[in-house]
Amino acid sequence: MAKAFASQSDLNEKTISFTEIGRGLYAFTAEGDPNSGVIVGDDSVMIIEAQATPRLAQKVIDCVRQVTDKPITHLVLTHYHAVRVLGASAYGAGQILMSDAARAMVAERGQEDWDSEFQRFPRLFEGHESIPGLTWPTTTFSEAMSVYLGNRRVDLMHLGRAHTAGDIVIHVPDENVMFTGDIVEYHSACYCGDGHFADWGDTLDAVKAFEVDAIAPGRGGALMGREMVDAAIESTRDFVASTYAPAARVAARGGSLKEAWDAVRAACDPKFSDYAIYEHCLPFNVARAYDEARGIDTPRIWTAQRDIEMWEALQG
């Protein structure tokens, strides 16, 4: 019998930080767990990323109420993954925004993703019984749109495929701060199981071109100052490239998924084994890298059953 996923035994509560990264802009972080962001406008508040359940979302709301009593009117979801979106009902936001591509993925694979992630990472679904169902946006866009919170402009943009095909970033021009979702991580492994390795570097270049002063990444601590921002972008680039290249070499010679796993571990363990959720992500990252290298452009849908079958194959 195969051993359990690393994430299934990750049961320790993480320490929450709530960091101001610009005037009225905050990063909610928790030691490698999914981050959220907060944008305080003139009259209202925008939340970036909902968390996995309404109970976990309440932890974000509690932090918001430490700094403002303005109503939460907008919720922006950078992509479709269950751990990012299923807590949406807690905020009572009138507007829920996603990219067109992300909404299409909710329709195509949202339930399967929920079932899969719930099995993989039970701690992140604390209070799962309060989830009312899949989260659907009220508004979507293809490439870019702007939202005004009073005089504060917030730009939502799809810069390219990376962590998923529908990723967006959120830029606040008046403070030159960006919320990147899982396109950028900091001392945390990238989850690449639904990713696009060949595109990810170009999307990072597009983020880097903004020369922002701070980033709230998808996981890991807030990034303050250009030097820290650039370092996180480049370490993310290195992680993605170091995962894909060994798997692609194995696929090119007709090798097996297990051989790709061994090759990626040899390349990545020395550099990234101390990153948060590294062991959690690795099997899914290798499986997707192997698929992409064999010409599968659209990531195959993860299901609870497919997770188990893949993991058993990697155990030999």
C-alpha atoms as a PDB file:
ATOM      1  CA  MET A   1       0.000   0.000   0.000  1.00  0.00           C
ATOM      2  CA  ALA A   2       1.356   3.429  -0.953  1.00  0.00           C
ATOM      3  CA  LYS A   3       2.208   5.830   1.829  1.00  0.00           C
ATOM      4  CA  ALA A   4      -0.009   8.874   2.350  1.00  0.00           C
ATOM      5  CA  PHE A   5       0.531  12.218   0.628  1.00  0.00           C
ATOM      6  CA  ALA A   6       2.793  14.496   2.645  1.00  0.00           C
ATOM      7  CA  SER A   7      -0.030  17.024   2.871  1.00  0.00           C
ATOM      8  CA  GLN A   8      -2.332  14.531   4.608  1.00  0.00           C
ATOM      9  CA  SER A   9      -0.089  14.495   7.658  1.00  0.00           C
ATOM     10  CA  ASP A  10       0.434  18.283   7.729  1.00  0.00           C
ATOM     11  CA  LEU A  11      -1.840  19.049  10.659  1.00  0.00           C
ATOM     12  CA  ASN A  12       0.027  21.816  12.487  1.00  0.00           C
ATOM     13  CA  GLU A  13      -1.627  25.217  12.755  1.00  0.00           C
ATOM     14  CA  LYS A  14       0.321  27.984  10.997  1.00  0.00           C
ATOM     15  CA  THR A  15       1.134  31.410  12.422  1.00  0.00           C
ATOM     16  CA  ILE A  16      -0.755  34.208  10.661  1.00  0.00           C
ATOM     17  CA  SER A  17       0.894  37.500   9.689  1.00  0.00           C
ATOM     18  CA  PHE A  18      -0.963  40.585   8.505  1.00  0.00           C
ATOM     19  CA  THR A  19       1.510  42.940   6.881  1.00  0.00           C
ATOM     20  CA  GLU A  20       0.915  46.405   5.436  1.00  0.00           C
ATOM     21  CA  ILE A  21       2.670  46.438   2.056  1.00  0.00           C
ATOM     22  CA  GLY A  22       1.455  49.863   0.942  1.00  0.00           C
ATOM     23  CA  ARG A  23      -0.981  52.512   2.096  1.00  0.00           C
ATOM     24  CA  GLY A  24      -4.188  50.615   2.823  1.00  0.00           C
ATOM     25  CA  LEU A  25      -2.811  47.408   1.283  1.00  0.00           C
ATOM     26  CA  TYR A  26      -2.226  44.242   3.296  1.00  0.00           C
ATOM     27  CA  ALA A  27      -0.907  40.714   2.842  1.00  0.00           C
ATOM     28  CA  PHE A  28      -2.494  37.971   4.945  1.00  0.00           C
ATOM     29  CA  THR A  29       0.116  35.185   5.099  1.00  0.00           C
ATOM     30  CA  ALA A  30       0.445  31.951   7.063  1.00  0.00           C
ATOM     31  CA  GLU A  31       3.809  30.190   6.726  1.00  0.00           C
ATOM     32  CA  GLY A  32       3.220  28.656   3.308  1.00  0.00           C
ATOM     33  CA  ASP A  33      -0.539  28.240   3.529  1.00  0.00           C
ATOM     34  CA  PRO A  34      -2.587  30.119   0.888  1.00  0.00           C
ATOM     35  CA  ASN A  35      -2.302  33.888   1.215  1.00  0.00           C
ATOM     36  CA  SER A  36      -5.029  36.505   0.866  1.00  0.00           C
ATOM     37  CA  GLY A  37      -4.774  40.225   0.123  1.00  0.00           C
ATOM     38  CA  VAL A  38      -6.685  43.274   1.270  1.00  0.00           C
ATOM     39  CA  ILE A  39      -7.183  46.573  -0.571  1.00  0.00           C
ATOM     40  CA  VAL A  40      -8.834  49.358   1.416  1.00  0.00           C
ATOM     41  CA  GLY A  41     -10.495  51.944  -0.806  1.00  0.00           C
ATOM     42  CA  ASP A  42     -12.185  55.237  -0.018  1.00  0.00           C
ATOM     43  CA  ASP A  43     -15.510  53.679   0.933  1.00  0.00           C
ATOM     44  CA  SER A  44     -15.064  49.932   0.738  1.00  0.00           C
ATOM     45  CA  VAL A  45     -12.697  46.948   0.804  1.00  0.00           C
ATOM     46  CA  MET A  46     -11.579  44.460  -1.840  1.00  0.00           C
ATOM     47  CA  ILE A  47     -10.348  41.003  -0.796  1.00  0.00           C
ATOM     48  CA  ILE A  48      -7.944  38.996  -2.942  1.00  0.00           C
ATOM     49  CA  GLU A  49      -8.438  35.191  -2.547  1.00  0.00           C
ATOM     50  CA  ALA A  50     -11.231  33.774  -0.414  1.00  0.00           C
ATOM     51  CA  GLN A  51      -9.468  30.915   1.444  1.00  0.00           C
ATOM     52  CA  ALA A  52     -10.774  27.341   1.351  1.00  0.00           C
ATOM     53  CA  THR A  53     -13.756  27.583   3.719  1.00  0.00           C
ATOM     54  CA  PRO A  54     -15.939  30.273   5.290  1.00  0.00           C
ATOM     55  CA  ARG A  55     -14.382  29.463   8.683  1.00  0.00           C
ATOM     56  CA  LEU A  56     -10.876  30.151   7.367  1.00  0.00           C
ATOM     57  CA  ALA A  57     -12.130  33.241   5.562  1.00  0.00           C
ATOM     58  CA  GLN A  58     -13.249  34.589   8.930  1.00  0.00           C
ATOM     59  CA  LYS A  59      -9.581  34.769   9.969  1.00  0.00           C
ATOM     60  CA  VAL A  60      -9.000  37.181   7.088  1.00  0.00           C
ATOM     61  CA  ILE A  61     -12.094  39.184   8.025  1.00  0.00           C
ATOM     62  CA  ASP A  62     -10.906  39.414  11.640  1.00  0.00           C
ATOM     63  CA  CYS A  63      -7.631  40.946  10.432  1.00  0.00           C
ATOM     64  CA  VAL A  64      -9.477  43.377   8.164  1.00  0.00           C
ATOM     65  CA  ARG A  65     -11.581  44.551  11.079  1.00  0.00           C
ATOM     66  CA  GLN A  66      -8.418  45.442  12.971  1.00  0.00           C
ATOM     67  CA  VAL A  67      -7.678  48.166  10.387  1.00  0.00           C
ATOM     68  CA  THR A  68     -11.044  49.283   8.945  1.00  0.00           C
ATOM     69  CA  ASP A  69     -14.792  49.007   9.406  1.00  0.00           C
ATOM     70  CA  LYS A  70     -15.536  49.707   5.736  1.00  0.00           C
ATOM     71  CA  PRO A  71     -17.757  47.117   4.027  1.00  0.00           C
ATOM     72  CA  ILE A  72     -16.256  44.341   1.924  1.00  0.00           C
ATOM     73  CA  THR A  73     -17.783  44.887  -1.507  1.00  0.00           C
ATOM     74  CA  HIS A  74     -15.428  43.086  -3.903  1.00  0.00           C
ATOM     75  CA  LEU A  75     -13.769  39.672  -3.889  1.00  0.00           C
ATOM     76  CA  VAL A  76     -11.167  38.901  -6.561  1.00  0.00           C
ATOM     77  CA  LEU A  77     -10.116  35.306  -7.229  1.00  0.00           C
ATOM     78  CA  THR A  78      -6.859  34.883  -9.122  1.00  0.00           C
ATOM     79  CA  HIS A  79      -7.735  31.358 -10.298  1.00  0.00           C
ATOM     80  CA  TYR A  80     -10.170  28.515  -9.702  1.00  0.00           C
ATOM     81  CA  HIS A  81      -8.475  26.226  -7.131  1.00  0.00           C
ATOM     82  CA  ALA A  82     -10.661  25.126  -4.232  1.00  0.00           C
ATOM     83  CA  VAL A  83      -8.266  26.338  -1.526  1.00  0.00           C
ATOM     84  CA  ARG A  84      -8.564  29.850  -2.987  1.00  0.00           C
ATOM     85  CA  VAL A  85     -12.261  30.175  -3.690  1.00  0.00           C
ATOM     86  CA  LEU A  86     -14.576  28.045  -1.551  1.00  0.00           C
ATOM     87  CA  GLY A  87     -14.625  30.432   1.417  1.00  0.00           C
ATOM     88  CA  ALA A  88     -16.205  33.184  -0.682  1.00  0.00           C
ATOM     89  CA  SER A  89     -19.612  33.192   0.990  1.00  0.00           C
ATOM     90  CA  ALA A  90     -18.167  34.508   4.267  1.00  0.00           C
ATOM     91  CA  TYR A  91     -17.380  37.947   2.841  1.00  0.00           C
ATOM     92  CA  GLY A  92     -20.840  38.873   1.598  1.00  0.00           C
ATOM     93  CA  ALA A  93     -19.239  40.705  -1.327  1.00  0.00           C
ATOM     94  CA  GLY A  94     -21.643  41.909  -3.998  1.00  0.00           C
ATOM     95  CA  GLN A  95     -18.992  41.511  -6.708  1.00  0.00           C
ATOM     96  CA  ILE A  96     -16.912  38.358  -7.247  1.00  0.00           C
ATOM     97  CA  LEU A  97     -14.400  38.737 -10.065  1.00  0.00           C
ATOM     98  CA  MET A  98     -12.410  36.162 -12.076  1.00  0.00           C
ATOM     99  CA  SER A  99     -10.983  35.821 -15.545  1.00  0.00           C
ATOM    100  CA  ASP A 100     -13.103  34.243 -18.244  1.00  0.00           C
ATOM    101  CA  ALA A 101     -10.685  31.319 -18.372  1.00  0.00           C
ATOM    102  CA  ALA A 102     -10.876  30.750 -14.613  1.00  0.00           C
ATOM    103  CA  ARG A 103     -14.665  30.680 -14.699  1.00  0.00           C
ATOM    104  CA  ALA A 104     -14.553  28.141 -17.517  1.00  0.00           C
ATOM    105  CA  MET A 105     -12.333  25.969 -15.333  1.00  0.00           C
ATOM    106  CA  VAL A 106     -14.817  26.122 -12.457  1.00  0.00           C
ATOM    107  CA  ALA A 107     -17.409  24.759 -14.877  1.00  0.00           C
ATOM    108  CA  GLU A 108     -15.078  22.167 -16.366  1.00  0.00           C
ATOM    109  CA  ARG A 109     -13.270  20.877 -13.282  1.00  0.00           C
ATOM    110  CA  GLY A 110     -14.288  22.794 -10.178  1.00  0.00           C
ATOM    111  CA  GLN A 111     -16.018  19.906  -8.391  1.00  0.00           C
ATOM    112  CA  GLU A 112     -13.254  17.454  -9.248  1.00  0.00           C
ATOM    113  CA  ASP A 113     -10.660  19.900  -7.947  1.00  0.00           C
ATOM    114  CA  TRP A 114     -12.601  20.353  -4.707  1.00  0.00           C
ATOM    115  CA  ASP A 115     -12.815  16.594  -4.156  1.00  0.00           C
ATOM    116  CA  SER A 116      -9.141  16.135  -5.002  1.00  0.00           C
ATOM    117  CA  GLU A 117      -7.831  18.943  -2.801  1.00  0.00           C
ATOM    118  CA  PHE A 118     -10.040  17.923   0.121  1.00  0.00           C
ATOM    119  CA  GLN A 119      -8.476  14.459   0.032  1.00  0.00           C
ATOM    120  CA  ARG A 120      -4.928  15.787  -0.333  1.00  0.00           C
ATOM    121  CA  PHE A 121      -4.915  18.528   2.283  1.00  0.00           C
ATOM    122  CA  PRO A 122      -7.582  18.078   4.973  1.00  0.00           C
ATOM    123  CA  ARG A 123      -6.200  20.786   7.305  1.00  0.00           C
ATOM    124  CA  LEU A 124      -6.954  23.504   4.760  1.00  0.00           C
ATOM    125  CA  PHE A 125     -10.624  22.553   4.743  1.00  0.00           C
ATOM    126  CA  GLU A 126     -11.337  23.316   8.391  1.00  0.00           C
ATOM    127  CA  GLY A 127     -15.073  23.906   8.632  1.00  0.00           C
ATOM    128  CA  HIS A 128     -15.737  22.405   5.196  1.00  0.00           C
ATOM    129  CA  GLU A 129     -19.326  21.633   6.137  1.00  0.00           C
ATOM    130  CA  SER A 130     -20.087  25.379   5.871  1.00  0.00           C
ATOM    131  CA  ILE A 131     -19.143  25.589   2.173  1.00  0.00           C
ATOM    132  CA  PRO A 132     -22.411  26.223   0.284  1.00  0.00           C
ATOM    133  CA  GLY A 133     -21.119  24.929  -3.064  1.00  0.00           C
ATOM    134  CA  LEU A 134     -18.860  25.945  -5.922  1.00  0.00           C
ATOM    135  CA  THR A 135     -17.937  29.626  -6.113  1.00  0.00           C
ATOM    136  CA  TRP A 136     -19.087  31.398  -9.274  1.00  0.00           C
ATOM    137  CA  PRO A 137     -18.051  34.926 -10.269  1.00  0.00           C
ATOM    138  CA  THR A 138     -20.535  37.715 -10.852  1.00  0.00           C
ATOM    139  CA  THR A 139     -18.177  39.415 -13.338  1.00  0.00           C
ATOM    140  CA  THR A 140     -15.455  38.092 -15.642  1.00  0.00           C
ATOM    141  CA  PHE A 141     -13.042  39.586 -18.176  1.00  0.00           C
ATOM    142  CA  SER A 142     -10.647  38.325 -20.822  1.00  0.00           C
ATOM    143  CA  GLU A 143      -7.466  40.424 -20.646  1.00  0.00           C
ATOM    144  CA  ALA A 144      -7.886  43.386 -18.280  1.00  0.00           C
ATOM    145  CA  MET A 145     -10.350  45.484 -16.352  1.00  0.00           C
ATOM    146  CA  SER A 146     -10.218  48.254 -13.757  1.00  0.00           C
ATOM    147  CA  VAL A 147     -12.274  48.606 -10.605  1.00  0.00           C
ATOM    148  CA  TYR A 148     -12.584  51.882  -8.708  1.00  0.00           C
ATOM    149  CA  LEU A 149     -12.911  51.822  -4.928  1.00  0.00           C
ATOM    150  CA  GLY A 150     -13.786  55.489  -4.766  1.00  0.00           C
ATOM    151  CA  ASN A 151     -10.755  57.250  -6.261  1.00  0.00           C
ATOM    152  CA  ARG A 152      -8.482  54.221  -5.835  1.00  0.00           C
ATOM    153  CA  ARG A 153      -8.029  52.367  -9.110  1.00  0.00           C
ATOM    154  CA  VAL A 154      -7.351  48.640  -9.032  1.00  0.00           C
ATOM    155  CA  ASP A 155      -6.212  46.966 -12.266  1.00  0.00           C
ATOM    156  CA  LEU A 156      -6.959  43.284 -12.856  1.00  0.00           C
ATOM    157  CA  MET A 157      -4.921  41.653 -15.630  1.00  0.00           C
ATOM    158  CA  HIS A 158      -4.370  38.294 -17.266  1.00  0.00           C
ATOM    159  CA  LEU A 159      -0.669  38.467 -18.188  1.00  0.00           C
ATOM    160  CA  GLY A 160      -0.314  34.892 -19.407  1.00  0.00           C
ATOM    161  CA  ARG A 161      -0.575  31.267 -18.381  1.00  0.00           C
ATOM    162  CA  ALA A 162       1.463  30.059 -15.404  1.00  0.00           C
ATOM    163  CA  HIS A 163       0.056  28.303 -12.314  1.00  0.00           C
ATOM    164  CA  THR A 164      -3.164  27.789 -14.323  1.00  0.00           C
ATOM    165  CA  ALA A 165      -4.426  28.967 -17.699  1.00  0.00           C
ATOM    166  CA  GLY A 166      -6.649  31.592 -16.075  1.00  0.00           C
ATOM    167  CA  ASP A 167      -4.280  33.324 -13.634  1.00  0.00           C
ATOM    168  CA  ILE A 168      -4.688  37.040 -13.011  1.00  0.00           C
ATOM    169  CA  VAL A 169      -2.693  39.627 -11.100  1.00  0.00           C
ATOM    170  CA  ILE A 170      -4.003  42.688  -9.276  1.00  0.00           C
ATOM    171  CA  HIS A 171      -2.036  45.950  -9.483  1.00  0.00           C
ATOM    172  CA  VAL A 172      -2.686  49.050  -7.384  1.00  0.00           C
ATOM    173  CA  PRO A 173      -1.000  51.900  -9.307  1.00  0.00           C
ATOM    174  CA  ASP A 174      -1.120  54.557  -6.590  1.00  0.00           C
ATOM    175  CA  GLU A 175       1.218  52.447  -4.424  1.00  0.00           C
ATOM    176  CA  ASN A 176       2.799  50.329  -7.214  1.00  0.00           C
ATOM    177  CA  VAL A 177       1.937  47.120  -5.365  1.00  0.00           C
ATOM    178  CA  MET A 178       0.871  43.814  -6.917  1.00  0.00           C
ATOM    179  CA  PHE A 179      -0.998  40.735  -5.739  1.00  0.00           C
ATOM    180  CA  THR A 180       0.200  37.870  -7.936  1.00  0.00           C
ATOM    181  CA  GLY A 181      -1.634  34.805  -6.734  1.00  0.00           C
ATOM    182  CA  ASP A 182       0.401  31.651  -7.280  1.00  0.00           C
ATOM    183  CA  ILE A 183       2.330  33.026 -10.245  1.00  0.00           C
ATOM    184  CA  VAL A 184       4.979  34.115  -7.707  1.00  0.00           C
ATOM    185  CA  GLU A 185       5.856  32.279  -4.482  1.00  0.00           C
ATOM    186  CA  TYR A 186       8.379  33.032  -1.748  1.00  0.00           C
ATOM    187  CA  HIS A 187      10.287  30.189  -0.055  1.00  0.00           C
ATOM    188  CA  SER A 188       7.325  27.995  -0.895  1.00  0.00           C
ATOM    189  CA  ALA A 189       7.096  25.378  -3.623  1.00  0.00           C
ATOM    190  CA  CYS A 190       5.058  26.228  -6.687  1.00  0.00           C
ATOM    191  CA  TYR A 191       2.137  23.915  -7.255  1.00  0.00           C
ATOM    192  CA  CYS A 192       2.432  23.072 -10.960  1.00  0.00           C
ATOM    193  CA  GLY A 193      -0.135  20.293 -11.247  1.00  0.00           C
ATOM    194  CA  ASP A 194      -2.393  22.471 -13.430  1.00  0.00           C
ATOM    195  CA  GLY A 195       0.402  24.667 -14.729  1.00  0.00           C
ATOM    196  CA  HIS A 196       1.938  25.664 -18.029  1.00  0.00           C
ATOM    197  CA  PHE A 197       5.698  25.340 -17.723  1.00  0.00           C
ATOM    198  CA  ALA A 198       6.573  26.736 -21.162  1.00  0.00           C
ATOM    199  CA  ASP A 199       4.585  29.931 -20.518  1.00  0.00           C
ATOM    200  CA  TRP A 200       5.373  30.545 -16.866  1.00  0.00           C
ATOM    201  CA  GLY A 201       8.701  32.306 -17.445  1.00  0.00           C
ATOM    202  CA  ASP A 202       7.175  34.770 -19.922  1.00  0.00           C
ATOM    203  CA  THR A 203       4.416  35.550 -17.439  1.00  0.00           C
ATOM    204  CA  LEU A 204       7.031  36.186 -14.750  1.00  0.00           C
ATOM    205  CA  ASP A 205       8.763  38.566 -17.178  1.00  0.00           C
ATOM    206  CA  ALA A 206       5.478  40.442 -17.576  1.00  0.00           C
ATOM    207  CA  VAL A 207       5.152  40.739 -13.795  1.00  0.00           C
ATOM    208  CA  LYS A 208       8.767  41.865 -13.469  1.00  0.00           C
ATOM    209  CA  ALA A 209       8.275  44.593 -16.090  1.00  0.00           C
ATOM    210  CA  PHE A 210       5.979  46.479 -13.691  1.00  0.00           C
ATOM    211  CA  GLU A 211       8.954  47.050 -11.343  1.00  0.00           C
ATOM    212  CA  VAL A 212       6.606  47.018  -8.386  1.00  0.00           C
ATOM    213  CA  ASP A 213       7.651  48.105  -4.907  1.00  0.00           C
ATOM    214  CA  ALA A 214       5.944  45.197  -3.123  1.00  0.00           C
ATOM    215  CA  ILE A 215       4.192  41.927  -3.883  1.00  0.00           C
ATOM    216  CA  ALA A 216       1.798  39.777  -1.933  1.00  0.00           C
ATOM    217  CA  PRO A 217       2.683  36.345  -3.370  1.00  0.00           C
ATOM    218  CA  GLY A 218       0.447  33.295  -3.465  1.00  0.00           C
ATOM    219  CA  ARG A 219       2.328  31.626  -0.625  1.00  0.00           C
ATOM    220  CA  GLY A 220       5.125  32.777   1.646  1.00  0.00           C
ATOM    221  CA  GLY A 221       5.851  36.108   3.280  1.00  0.00           C
ATOM    222  CA  ALA A 222       5.150  39.561   1.877  1.00  0.00           C
ATOM    223  CA  LEU A 223       7.809  40.862  -0.521  1.00  0.00           C
ATOM    224  CA  MET A 224       8.916  44.384   0.344  1.00  0.00           C
ATOM    225  CA  GLY A 225      11.272  46.369  -1.893  1.00  0.00           C
ATOM    226  CA  ARG A 226      12.541  45.781  -5.428  1.00  0.00           C
ATOM    227  CA  GLU A 227      15.409  43.552  -4.358  1.00  0.00           C
ATOM    228  CA  MET A 228      13.147  41.123  -2.496  1.00  0.00           C
ATOM    229  CA  VAL A 229      10.543  41.214  -5.276  1.00  0.00           C
ATOM    230  CA  ASP A 230      13.103  40.390  -7.956  1.00  0.00           C
ATOM    231  CA  ALA A 231      14.655  37.631  -5.844  1.00  0.00           C
ATOM    232  CA  ALA A 232      11.267  35.947  -5.415  1.00  0.00           C
ATOM    233  CA  ILE A 233      10.478  36.203  -9.119  1.00  0.00           C
ATOM    234  CA  GLU A 234      13.821  34.621 -10.010  1.00  0.00           C
ATOM    235  CA  SER A 235      13.556  31.854  -7.420  1.00  0.00           C
ATOM    236  CA  THR A 236      10.082  31.052  -8.758  1.00  0.00           C
ATOM    237  CA  ARG A 237      11.521  30.944 -12.282  1.00  0.00           C
ATOM    238  CA  ASP A 238      14.293  28.613 -11.115  1.00  0.00           C
ATOM    239  CA  PHE A 239      11.834  26.304  -9.369  1.00  0.00           C
ATOM    240  CA  VAL A 240       9.636  25.972 -12.452  1.00  0.00           C
ATOM    241  CA  ALA A 241      12.560  25.464 -14.847  1.00  0.00           C
ATOM    242  CA  SER A 242      14.318  23.003 -12.538  1.00  0.00           C
ATOM    243  CA  THR A 243      11.151  20.927 -12.337  1.00  0.00           C
ATOM    244  CA  TYR A 244      10.401  20.872 -16.037  1.00  0.00           C
ATOM    245  CA  ALA A 245      13.812  20.285 -17.611  1.00  0.00           C
ATOM    246  CA  PRO A 246      14.593  16.885 -16.010  1.00  0.00           C
ATOM    247  CA  ALA A 247      11.081  15.586 -16.672  1.00  0.00           C
ATOM    248  CA  ALA A 248      11.283  16.746 -20.288  1.00  0.00           C
ATOM    249  CA  ARG A 249      14.570  14.927 -20.818  1.00  0.00           C
ATOM    250  CA  VAL A 250      13.065  11.706 -19.504  1.00  0.00           C
ATOM    251  CA  ALA A 251       9.945  12.114 -21.650  1.00  0.00           C
ATOM    252  CA  ALA A 252      12.043  12.808 -24.762  1.00  0.00           C
ATOM    253  CA  ARG A 253      13.737   9.424 -24.507  1.00  0.00           C
ATOM    254  CA  GLY A 254      10.506   7.588 -23.745  1.00  0.00           C
ATOM    255  CA  GLY A 255      11.206   7.118 -20.060  1.00  0.00           C
ATOM    256  CA  SER A 256       8.566   6.447 -17.423  1.00  0.00           C
ATOM    257  CA  LEU A 257       6.823   8.756 -14.979  1.00  0.00           C
ATOM    258  CA  LYS A 258       8.779   7.106 -12.171  1.00  0.00           C
ATOM    259  CA  GLU A 259      12.047   7.920 -13.972  1.00  0.00           C
ATOM    260  CA  ALA A 260      10.910  11.518 -14.356  1.00  0.00           C
ATOM    261  CA  TRP A 261      10.157  11.611 -10.608  1.00  0.00           C
ATOM    262  CA  ASP A 262      13.671  10.408  -9.782  1.00  0.00           C
ATOM    263  CA  ALA A 263      15.246  12.916 -12.195  1.00  0.00           C
ATOM    264  CA  VAL A 264      13.274  15.871 -10.834  1.00  0.00           C
ATOM    265  CA  ARG A 265      14.098  14.910  -7.257  1.00  0.00           C
ATOM    266  CA  ALA A 266      17.794  14.773  -8.114  1.00  0.00           C
ATOM    267  CA  ALA A 267      17.629  18.288  -9.572  1.00  0.00           C
ATOM    268  CA  CYS A 268      15.275  19.948  -7.098  1.00  0.00           C
ATOM    269  CA  ASP A 269      15.880  18.336  -3.688  1.00  0.00           C
ATOM    270  CA  PRO A 270      19.263  20.049  -3.142  1.00  0.00           C
ATOM    271  CA  LYS A 271      17.792  23.478  -3.877  1.00  0.00           C
ATOM    272  CA  PHE A 272      14.197  23.393  -2.701  1.00  0.00           C
ATOM    273  CA  SER A 273      13.621  20.633  -0.155  1.00  0.00           C
ATOM    274  CA  ASP A 274      13.324  23.188   2.667  1.00  0.00           C
ATOM    275  CA  TYR A 275      10.593  25.154   0.867  1.00  0.00           C
ATOM    276  CA  ALA A 276       7.085  25.056   2.339  1.00  0.00           C
ATOM    277  CA  ILE A 277       4.810  22.377   0.815  1.00  0.00           C
ATOM    278  CA  TYR A 278       7.674  21.032  -1.325  1.00  0.00           C
ATOM    279  CA  GLU A 279       6.827  17.383  -0.704  1.00  0.00           C
ATOM    280  CA  HIS A 280       3.107  18.133  -1.029  1.00  0.00           C
ATOM    281  CA  CYS A 281       3.510  19.552  -4.538  1.00  0.00           C
ATOM    282  CA  LEU A 282       6.243  17.388  -6.005  1.00  0.00           C
ATOM    283  CA  PRO A 283       4.258  14.386  -7.290  1.00  0.00           C
ATOM    284  CA  PHE A 284       1.697  16.599  -9.020  1.00  0.00           C
ATOM    285  CA  ASN A 285       4.432  18.829 -10.432  1.00  0.00           C
ATOM    286  CA  VAL A 286       6.298  15.873 -11.920  1.00  0.00           C
ATOM    287  CA  ALA A 287       3.134  14.379 -13.404  1.00  0.00           C
ATOM    288  CA  ARG A 288       2.195  17.648 -15.102  1.00  0.00           C
ATOM    289  CA  ALA A 289       5.753  18.335 -16.331  1.00  0.00           C
ATOM    290  CA  TYR A 290       5.896  14.834 -17.817  1.00  0.00           C
ATOM    291  CA  ASP A 291       2.533  15.355 -19.538  1.00  0.00           C
ATOM    292  CA  GLU A 292       3.446  18.769 -20.950  1.00  0.00           C
ATOM    293  CA  ALA A 293       6.746  17.436 -22.273  1.00  0.00           C
ATOM    294  CA  ARG A 294       4.777  14.748 -24.117  1.00  0.00           C
ATOM    295  CA  GLY A 295       2.607  17.372 -25.830  1.00  0.00           C
ATOM    296  CA  ILE A 296      -0.413  17.508 -23.512  1.00  0.00           C
ATOM    297  CA  ASP A 297      -1.140  21.249 -23.506  1.00  0.00           C
ATOM    298  CA  THR A 298      -4.310  21.305 -21.406  1.00  0.00           C
ATOM    299  CA  PRO A 299      -3.640  19.856 -17.951  1.00  0.00           C
ATOM    300  CA  ARG A 300      -5.564  16.666 -17.331  1.00  0.00           C
ATOM    301  CA  ILE A 301      -8.232  17.004 -14.657  1.00  0.00           C
ATOM    302  CA  TRP A 302      -7.139  15.810 -11.242  1.00  0.00           C
ATOM    303  CA  THR A 303      -9.668  13.650  -9.472  1.00  0.00           C
ATOM    304  CA  ALA A 304      -9.415  11.946  -6.107  1.00  0.00           C
ATOM    305  CA  GLN A 305      -8.987   8.634  -7.928  1.00  0.00           C
ATOM    306  CA  ARG A 306      -6.364   9.941 -10.350  1.00  0.00           C
ATOM    307  CA  ASP A 307      -4.385  11.350  -7.408  1.00  0.00           C
ATOM    308  CA  ILE A 308      -4.181   7.894  -5.841  1.00  0.00           C
ATOM    309  CA  GLU A 309      -3.262   6.139  -9.094  1.00  0.00           C
ATOM    310  CA  MET A 310      -0.488   8.639  -9.829  1.00  0.00           C
ATOM    311  CA  TRP A 311       0.918   8.364  -6.309  1.00  0.00           C
ATOM    312  CA  GLU A 312       0.930   4.581  -6.455  1.00  0.00           C
ATOM    313  CA  ALA A 313       2.836   4.716  -9.772  1.00  0.00           C
ATOM    314  CA  LEU A 314       5.459   6.982  -8.230  1.00  0.00           C
ATOM    315  CA  GLN A 315       5.903   4.625  -5.306  1.00  0.00           C
ATOM    316  CA  GLY A 316       7.018   1.959  -7.765  1.00  0.00           C
END
